[in-house]
C-alpha atoms as a PDB file:
ATOM      1  CA  MET A   1     107.032  70.140 111.529  1.00  0.00           C
ATOM      2  CA  ASP A   2     106.402  70.351 107.815  1.00  0.00           C
ATOM      3  CA  LEU A   3     105.710  74.103 107.305  1.00  0.00           C
ATOM      4  CA  PRO A   4     104.795  73.467 103.578  1.00  0.00           C
ATOM      5  CA  GLN A   5     101.669  71.820 104.947  1.00  0.00           C
ATOM      6  CA  LEU A   6     100.750  74.948 106.748  1.00  0.00           C
ATOM      7  CA  ILE A   7     101.494  76.989 103.676  1.00  0.00           C
ATOM      8  CA  ASN A   8      99.332  74.758 101.548  1.00  0.00           C
ATOM      9  CA  ALA A   9      96.483  74.931 104.072  1.00  0.00           C
ATOM     10  CA  VAL A  10      96.434  78.734 104.110  1.00  0.00           C
ATOM     11  CA  ILE A  11      96.722  78.899 100.300  1.00  0.00           C
ATOM     12  CA  ALA A  12      93.737  76.532 100.087  1.00  0.00           C
ATOM     13  CA  GLY A  13      91.838  78.638 102.567  1.00  0.00           C
ATOM     14  CA  ASN A  14      91.412  75.744 104.960  1.00  0.00           C
ATOM     15  CA  ALA A  15      91.086  77.554 108.309  1.00  0.00           C
ATOM     16  CA  PRO A  16      90.642  74.486 110.539  1.00  0.00           C
ATOM     17  CA  GLU A  17      93.692  72.728 109.046  1.00  0.00           C
ATOM     18  CA  ALA A  18      95.681  75.929 109.387  1.00  0.00           C
ATOM     19  CA  LYS A  19      94.741  76.132 113.077  1.00  0.00           C
ATOM     20  CA  THR A  20      95.598  72.521 113.662  1.00  0.00           C
ATOM     21  CA  LEU A  21      98.963  72.815 111.883  1.00  0.00           C
ATOM     22  CA  THR A  22      99.897  75.975 113.714  1.00  0.00           C
ATOM     23  CA  GLU A  23      99.142  74.279 117.089  1.00  0.00           C
ATOM     24  CA  ALA A  24     101.097  71.247 116.044  1.00  0.00           C
ATOM     25  CA  ALA A  25     104.128  73.341 115.061  1.00  0.00           C
ATOM     26  CA  LEU A  26     104.092  75.045 118.497  1.00  0.00           C
ATOM     27  CA  ALA A  27     103.784  71.628 120.216  1.00  0.00           C
ATOM     28  CA  GLU A  28     106.917  70.543 118.363  1.00  0.00           C
ATOM     29  CA  GLY A  29     108.851  73.535 119.515  1.00  0.00           C
ATOM     30  CA  VAL A  30     108.877  75.599 116.372  1.00  0.00           C
ATOM     31  CA  ALA A  31     109.228  79.306 117.330  1.00  0.00           C
ATOM     32  CA  PRO A  32     106.222  81.553 116.756  1.00  0.00           C
ATOM     33  CA  GLY A  33     108.162  83.962 114.636  1.00  0.00           C
ATOM     34  CA  THR A  34     109.354  81.142 112.317  1.00  0.00           C
ATOM     35  CA  ILE A  35     105.772  79.868 111.976  1.00  0.00           C
ATOM     36  CA  VAL A  36     104.608  83.293 110.984  1.00  0.00           C
ATOM     37  CA  ASN A  37     107.495  84.165 108.650  1.00  0.00           C
ATOM     38  CA  GLU A  38     108.128  80.777 106.989  1.00  0.00           C
ATOM     39  CA  GLY A  39     104.483  79.594 107.165  1.00  0.00           C
ATOM     40  CA  LEU A  40     101.815  82.265 107.294  1.00  0.00           C
ATOM     41  CA  ILE A  41     103.648  85.110 105.544  1.00  0.00           C
ATOM     42  CA  ALA A  42     105.116  82.745 102.991  1.00  0.00           C
ATOM     43  CA  ALA A  43     101.604  81.401 102.127  1.00  0.00           C
ATOM     44  CA  MET A  44     100.215  84.938 101.719  1.00  0.00           C
ATOM     45  CA  GLY A  45     103.096  85.826  99.394  1.00  0.00           C
ATOM     46  CA  VAL A  46     102.034  83.017  97.076  1.00  0.00           C
ATOM     47  CA  VAL A  47      98.416  84.049  97.380  1.00  0.00           C
ATOM     48  CA  GLY A  48      99.260  87.646  96.513  1.00  0.00           C
ATOM     49  CA  GLU A  49     101.350  86.595  93.480  1.00  0.00           C
ATOM     50  CA  ARG A  50      98.464  84.460  92.177  1.00  0.00           C
ATOM     51  CA  PHE A  51      95.916  87.237  92.874  1.00  0.00           C
ATOM     52  CA  GLY A  52      98.157  89.661  90.984  1.00  0.00           C
ATOM     53  CA  ARG A  53      98.352  87.289  87.985  1.00  0.00           C
ATOM     54  CA  GLY A  54      94.565  86.871  87.899  1.00  0.00           C
ATOM     55  CA  GLU A  55      94.810  83.205  88.844  1.00  0.00           C
ATOM     56  CA  ILE A  56      92.651  83.641  91.893  1.00  0.00           C
ATOM     57  CA  TYR A  57      89.964  86.200  92.760  1.00  0.00           C
ATOM     58  CA  VAL A  58      88.575  87.977  95.854  1.00  0.00           C
ATOM     59  CA  PRO A  59      86.732  85.064  97.335  1.00  0.00           C
ATOM     60  CA  GLU A  60      89.838  82.815  97.322  1.00  0.00           C
ATOM     61  CA  MET A  61      91.926  85.679  98.690  1.00  0.00           C
ATOM     62  CA  LEU A  62      89.429  86.197 101.551  1.00  0.00           C
ATOM     63  CA  LEU A  63      89.429  82.479 102.378  1.00  0.00           C
ATOM     64  CA  ALA A  64      93.179  82.365 102.483  1.00  0.00           C
ATOM     65  CA  ALA A  65      93.173  85.494 104.714  1.00  0.00           C
ATOM     66  CA  ARG A  66      90.741  83.819 107.157  1.00  0.00           C
ATOM     67  CA  ALA A  67      92.961  80.756 107.327  1.00  0.00           C
ATOM     68  CA  MET A  68      95.991  82.966 107.969  1.00  0.00           C
ATOM     69  CA  GLN A  69      94.113  84.834 110.641  1.00  0.00           C
ATOM     70  CA  THR A  70      93.371  81.584 112.563  1.00  0.00           C
ATOM     71  CA  GLY A  71      97.103  80.989 112.818  1.00  0.00           C
ATOM     72  CA  LEU A  72      97.931  84.612 113.679  1.00  0.00           C
ATOM     73  CA  THR A  73      95.335  84.608 116.408  1.00  0.00           C
ATOM     74  CA  ILE A  74      97.217  81.838 118.203  1.00  0.00           C
ATOM     75  CA  LEU A  75     100.623  83.176 117.479  1.00  0.00           C
ATOM     76  CA  GLU A  76     100.291  86.969 118.049  1.00  0.00           C
ATOM     77  CA  PRO A  77     100.087  86.775 121.927  1.00  0.00           C
ATOM     78  CA  LEU A  78     103.097  84.544 122.001  1.00  0.00           C
ATOM     79  CA  MET A  79     105.077  86.872 119.729  1.00  0.00           C
ATOM     80  CA  ALA A  80     104.125  89.767 121.877  1.00  0.00           C
ATOM     81  CA  LYS A  81     105.491  88.014 124.970  1.00  0.00           C
ATOM     82  CA  ALA A  82     108.679  87.282 123.109  1.00  0.00           C
ATOM     83  CA  ASP A  83     108.804  90.921 121.889  1.00  0.00           C
ATOM     84  CA  ILE A  84     109.099  90.006 118.300  1.00  0.00           C
ATOM     85  CA  ALA A  85     108.963  93.161 116.218  1.00  0.00           C
ATOM     86  CA  SER A  86     106.648  93.539 113.307  1.00  0.00           C
ATOM     87  CA  ARG A  87     107.946  94.902 109.886  1.00  0.00           C
ATOM     88  CA  GLY A  88     106.207  98.222 110.732  1.00  0.00           C
ATOM     89  CA  THR A  89     102.837  99.740 111.647  1.00  0.00           C
ATOM     90  CA  VAL A  90     100.279 100.825 109.127  1.00  0.00           C
ATOM     91  CA  VAL A  91      96.995 102.781 109.511  1.00  0.00           C
ATOM     92  CA  ILE A  92      94.710 102.275 106.600  1.00  0.00           C
ATOM     93  CA  GLY A  93      91.261 103.553 105.708  1.00  0.00           C
ATOM     94  CA  THR A  94      88.904 104.538 102.913  1.00  0.00           C
ATOM     95  CA  VAL A  95      88.517 108.333 102.768  1.00  0.00           C
ATOM     96  CA  LYS A  96      85.535 110.407 103.667  1.00  0.00           C
ATOM     97  CA  GLY A  97      82.503 109.973 101.422  1.00  0.00           C
ATOM     98  CA  ASP A  98      83.553 106.547 100.131  1.00  0.00           C
ATOM     99  CA  VAL A  99      82.122 103.449 101.598  1.00  0.00           C
ATOM    100  CA  HIS A 100      83.939 100.859  99.476  1.00  0.00           C
ATOM    101  CA  ASP A 101      86.007  98.529 101.470  1.00  0.00           C
ATOM    102  CA  ILE A 102      86.763  95.284  99.574  1.00  0.00           C
ATOM    103  CA  GLY A 103      89.941  96.698  97.957  1.00  0.00           C
ATOM    104  CA  LYS A 104      91.032  98.225 101.183  1.00  0.00           C
ATOM    105  CA  ASN A 105      90.425  94.971 103.025  1.00  0.00           C
ATOM    106  CA  ILE A 106      92.530  93.036 100.604  1.00  0.00           C
ATOM    107  CA  VAL A 107      95.359  95.474 100.866  1.00  0.00           C
ATOM    108  CA  ALA A 108      95.146  95.211 104.756  1.00  0.00           C
ATOM    109  CA  ILE A 109      95.239  91.360 104.384  1.00  0.00           C
ATOM    110  CA  MET A 110      98.271  91.501 102.257  1.00  0.00           C
ATOM    111  CA  LEU A 111     100.016  93.943 104.624  1.00  0.00           C
ATOM    112  CA  LYS A 112      99.289  91.821 107.593  1.00  0.00           C
ATOM    113  CA  GLY A 113     100.340  88.750 105.616  1.00  0.00           C
ATOM    114  CA  SER A 114     103.578  90.585 104.960  1.00  0.00           C
ATOM    115  CA  GLY A 115     104.321  91.066 108.643  1.00  0.00           C
ATOM    116  CA  PHE A 116     102.965  94.500 109.298  1.00  0.00           C
ATOM    117  CA  THR A 117     100.820  95.577 112.273  1.00  0.00           C
ATOM    118  CA  VAL A 118      97.680  97.091 110.764  1.00  0.00           C
ATOM    119  CA  HIS A 119      95.084  99.347 112.199  1.00  0.00           C
ATOM    120  CA  ASP A 120      92.070  99.544 109.854  1.00  0.00           C
ATOM    121  CA  LEU A 121      89.972 102.634 110.423  1.00  0.00           C
ATOM    122  CA  GLY A 122      87.220 101.395 108.103  1.00  0.00           C
ATOM    123  CA  VAL A 123      85.295 103.391 105.486  1.00  0.00           C
ATOM    124  CA  ASP A 124      84.068 107.040 105.251  1.00  0.00           C
ATOM    125  CA  VAL A 125      87.040 108.114 107.434  1.00  0.00           C
ATOM    126  CA  PRO A 126      87.372 111.930 107.862  1.00  0.00           C
ATOM    127  CA  ALA A 127      90.788 113.561 107.669  1.00  0.00           C
ATOM    128  CA  GLU A 128      90.842 114.385 111.434  1.00  0.00           C
ATOM    129  CA  ARG A 129      90.394 110.688 112.247  1.00  0.00           C
ATOM    130  CA  PHE A 130      93.592 109.817 110.269  1.00  0.00           C
ATOM    131  CA  VAL A 131      95.379 112.618 112.261  1.00  0.00           C
ATOM    132  CA  GLU A 132      94.169 111.117 115.522  1.00  0.00           C
ATOM    133  CA  ALA A 133      95.276 107.661 114.458  1.00  0.00           C
ATOM    134  CA  ILE A 134      98.779 108.880 113.823  1.00  0.00           C
ATOM    135  CA  GLN A 135      98.827 110.472 117.259  1.00  0.00           C
ATOM    136  CA  GLU A 136      97.439 107.238 118.769  1.00  0.00           C
ATOM    137  CA  HIS A 137      99.373 104.472 116.953  1.00  0.00           C
ATOM    138  CA  SER A 138     102.615 106.251 115.731  1.00  0.00           C
ATOM    139  CA  PRO A 139     102.397 104.387 112.455  1.00  0.00           C
ATOM    140  CA  ASP A 140     105.195 104.193 109.870  1.00  0.00           C
ATOM    141  CA  LEU A 141     102.724 104.376 107.040  1.00  0.00           C
ATOM    142  CA  ILE A 142      99.253 105.708 106.215  1.00  0.00           C
ATOM    143  CA  GLY A 143      97.246 103.947 103.524  1.00  0.00           C
ATOM    144  CA  LEU A 144      94.464 105.894 101.847  1.00  0.00           C
ATOM    145  CA  SER A 145      91.845 104.213  99.590  1.00  0.00           C
ATOM    146  CA  ALA A 146      89.351 105.739  97.222  1.00  0.00           C
ATOM    147  CA  LEU A 147      87.159 103.914  94.731  1.00  0.00           C
ATOM    148  CA  LEU A 148      85.276 106.926  93.270  1.00  0.00           C
ATOM    149  CA  THR A 149      86.493 109.809  91.277  1.00  0.00           C
ATOM    150  CA  THR A 150      84.366 112.095  93.458  1.00  0.00           C
ATOM    151  CA  THR A 151      86.160 111.044  96.642  1.00  0.00           C
ATOM    152  CA  MET A 152      89.645 111.086  95.180  1.00  0.00           C
ATOM    153  CA  PRO A 153      90.179 114.779  96.409  1.00  0.00           C
ATOM    154  CA  ALA A 154      89.673 113.662  99.943  1.00  0.00           C
ATOM    155  CA  MET A 155      93.088 112.060  99.791  1.00  0.00           C
ATOM    156  CA  LYS A 156      94.689 115.535  99.380  1.00  0.00           C
ATOM    157  CA  THR A 157      92.530 116.798 102.220  1.00  0.00           C
ATOM    158  CA  VAL A 158      93.932 113.992 104.514  1.00  0.00           C
ATOM    159  CA  ILE A 159      97.564 114.756 103.506  1.00  0.00           C
ATOM    160  CA  GLU A 160      97.103 118.498 104.056  1.00  0.00           C
ATOM    161  CA  ALA A 161      95.482 117.783 107.483  1.00  0.00           C
ATOM    162  CA  ILE A 162      98.522 115.636 108.451  1.00  0.00           C
ATOM    163  CA  GLU A 163     100.785 118.519 107.334  1.00  0.00           C
ATOM    164  CA  HIS A 164      98.763 121.123 109.344  1.00  0.00           C
ATOM    165  CA  ALA A 165      99.038 118.843 112.426  1.00  0.00           C
ATOM    166  CA  GLY A 166     102.787 118.969 112.023  1.00  0.00           C
ATOM    167  CA  LEU A 167     102.922 115.149 111.613  1.00  0.00           C
ATOM    168  CA  ARG A 168     103.864 114.826 107.964  1.00  0.00           C
ATOM    169  CA  ASP A 169     107.526 114.124 108.593  1.00  0.00           C
ATOM    170  CA  ARG A 170     106.621 111.259 110.957  1.00  0.00           C
ATOM    171  CA  VAL A 171     104.730 109.080 108.398  1.00  0.00           C
ATOM    172  CA  ARG A 172     104.947 107.979 104.726  1.00  0.00           C
ATOM    173  CA  VAL A 173     101.528 108.122 102.847  1.00  0.00           C
ATOM    174  CA  MET A 174     100.472 105.524 100.273  1.00  0.00           C
ATOM    175  CA  VAL A 175      97.321 105.884  98.120  1.00  0.00           C
ATOM    176  CA  GLY A 176      95.383 103.473  95.945  1.00  0.00           C
ATOM    177  CA  GLY A 177      92.121 102.523  94.430  1.00  0.00           C
ATOM    178  CA  ALA A 178      90.566 101.944  91.059  1.00  0.00           C
ATOM    179  CA  PRO A 179      90.641 105.519  89.753  1.00  0.00           C
ATOM    180  CA  ILE A 180      94.046 106.411  91.253  1.00  0.00           C
ATOM    181  CA  THR A 181      97.129 106.670  89.065  1.00  0.00           C
ATOM    182  CA  GLU A 182     100.808 107.178  90.006  1.00  0.00           C
ATOM    183  CA  GLU A 183     100.596 110.636  88.578  1.00  0.00           C
ATOM    184  CA  TYR A 184      97.588 111.480  90.768  1.00  0.00           C
ATOM    185  CA  ALA A 185      99.418 110.064  93.792  1.00  0.00           C
ATOM    186  CA  ARG A 186     102.351 112.453  93.199  1.00  0.00           C
ATOM    187  CA  SER A 187      99.974 115.396  92.492  1.00  0.00           C
ATOM    188  CA  VAL A 188      98.434 115.105  96.016  1.00  0.00           C
ATOM    189  CA  GLY A 189     101.798 114.700  97.781  1.00  0.00           C
ATOM    190  CA  ALA A 190     101.704 110.972  98.463  1.00  0.00           C
ATOM    191  CA  ASP A 191     104.907 109.011  98.872  1.00  0.00           C
ATOM    192  CA  GLY A 192     103.722 105.926  97.095  1.00  0.00           C
ATOM    193  CA  TYR A 193     100.988 104.273  95.061  1.00  0.00           C
ATOM    194  CA  GLY A 194      99.756 100.688  94.840  1.00  0.00           C
ATOM    195  CA  ARG A 195      98.076  99.611  91.744  1.00  0.00           C
ATOM    196  CA  ASP A 196      96.854  96.438  93.403  1.00  0.00           C
ATOM    197  CA  ALA A 197      97.049  94.570  96.721  1.00  0.00           C
ATOM    198  CA  GLY A 198     100.263  92.869  95.983  1.00  0.00           C
ATOM    199  CA  GLU A 199     102.019  96.026  94.696  1.00  0.00           C
ATOM    200  CA  ALA A 200     100.699  97.919  97.662  1.00  0.00           C
ATOM    201  CA  ALA A 201     102.274  95.432  99.978  1.00  0.00           C
ATOM    202  CA  GLU A 202     105.685  95.620  98.146  1.00  0.00           C
ATOM    203  CA  GLN A 203     105.427  99.414  98.035  1.00  0.00           C
ATOM    204  CA  ALA A 204     104.881  99.477 101.784  1.00  0.00           C
ATOM    205  CA  LYS A 205     108.020  97.467 102.448  1.00  0.00           C
ATOM    206  CA  GLN A 206     110.099  99.872 100.218  1.00  0.00           C
ATOM    207  CA  LEU A 207     108.645 103.018 101.790  1.00  0.00           C
ATOM    208  CA  ILE A 208     109.267 101.758 105.382  1.00  0.00           C
ATOM    209  CA  ALA A 209     112.771 100.632 104.472  1.00  0.00           C
ATOM    210  CA  GLY A 210     113.403 104.139 102.981  1.00  0.00           C
ATOM    211  CA  VAL A 211     113.546 102.999  99.377  1.00  0.00           C
ATOM    212  CA  GLY A 212     111.680 104.844  96.697  1.00  0.00           C
END
């Protein structure tokens, strides 16, 4: 099986071809984990780099993500049976009062494309829902998104709620969004900050690995 073909199909956003090539790789005996890591994740790594350099934009990113998802849909049940561990678990959401989701969705795509298990809580998520999600999913990382200056303070509210629930030492917290800066992230007690989707995925890897 020529995994570069699968990589190219995902980068091009060709979902039918990605599905066909994923099925062909399985038929040829390629391990599901190999297809994910050396095919789908490798492809999304290229997509993330191109997105970060401004060579592609949101529509192309979303098409690539859809193509990746067609492959993941086939492979995830097989990986679960084989007990193949993910890189880590992330809960992500846009904070209360904010209904912007494109940036959050792209970060979720990049995280999934980097091998993370992602639970997306959606938009306008109250602090208590993040606390419930920690109790429910036992994530390694919480990702908070805000696209408005008026909703930025909700990030601190979420972090304080996690602390009050006695769960702060169980998770790392990463924040991001157009108005967010690294200085602001530190000021609200976050562990990390992603300037864009690619940086967020790299930051997530470092935080879960205990670096930074």
